[in-house]
Amino acid sequence: MTWSDATLSEFEAAIKSSDPTPGGGTVAAVALGQAAALLSMVAELTLASERWSDAHDDAKEAKAAADAVMPRAAELADSDAAAFDAVVAAFKLPKETDEEKAARRGEIRAATLGAAEVPFETAQHACDLLPHVLAMAERGNGNAASDAGVASLMATAAAKGAVFNVIINLNSLPEDMGQSMRMALPEMEERIRTLGRACMDAVRSRL
């Protein structure tokens, strides 16, 4: 069973269990999917009314972006859990001899890098979604302004939560691993902050 196929009750039960997965990275990916679904809804409501015709082009772009993200978000939810399971499995490898220790260390590092790469992609998708959320918050169907607001909150939660998971994994690796992610994070975090604030300001101005 994939997490996208689970019921809400099943998913929440799995999260609250003592098992390490699904955890925060999976929840962040699910939040990304929910943000995309809400964005798609706001775009549809905008396109359905001529009153908001000035925003129809923005709505078409927002819907296309959201509809592309939703299936990938579901895959990332499963991938995140699988990536951390691989880390756990690597720590369980034998470490009796020097050769085993070296092999185990290599497997742990490779798995940990993978556990950083998955949430990094989640954060990237959330960052890419936020400008479309902002467009709908500013110019989309005003009757769905609160929905655009929730979409922005879910997208920023997905982005920030995913970044936390990237950082915690990178911090356990040698500095020469994950260099592209390390270099991208500061700009990504600033983009999340700026776009998230802009979305909130736009929503509040239309409520």
Foldseek 3Di string as FASTA:
>chain_A
DAPVPDDPVVNVVQAPDPDPPPYLLLLLLVLLLVLLVLLLVLLVQQCVDPVLVVCNVLSVVLNVLSVVSNVVSSVLSRQLRVLVVQLVVLVVFDDPDPVSVVVSVVSNLVSLLSNLVSLLVQLVSLLVNLVSLLSCLQRTDLVCNVSSLSSLVSSLSSNVSSLVRNVVSCVVHPPVPPVVVVVCPVVSVVSSVVSSVSSVVSSVVSD
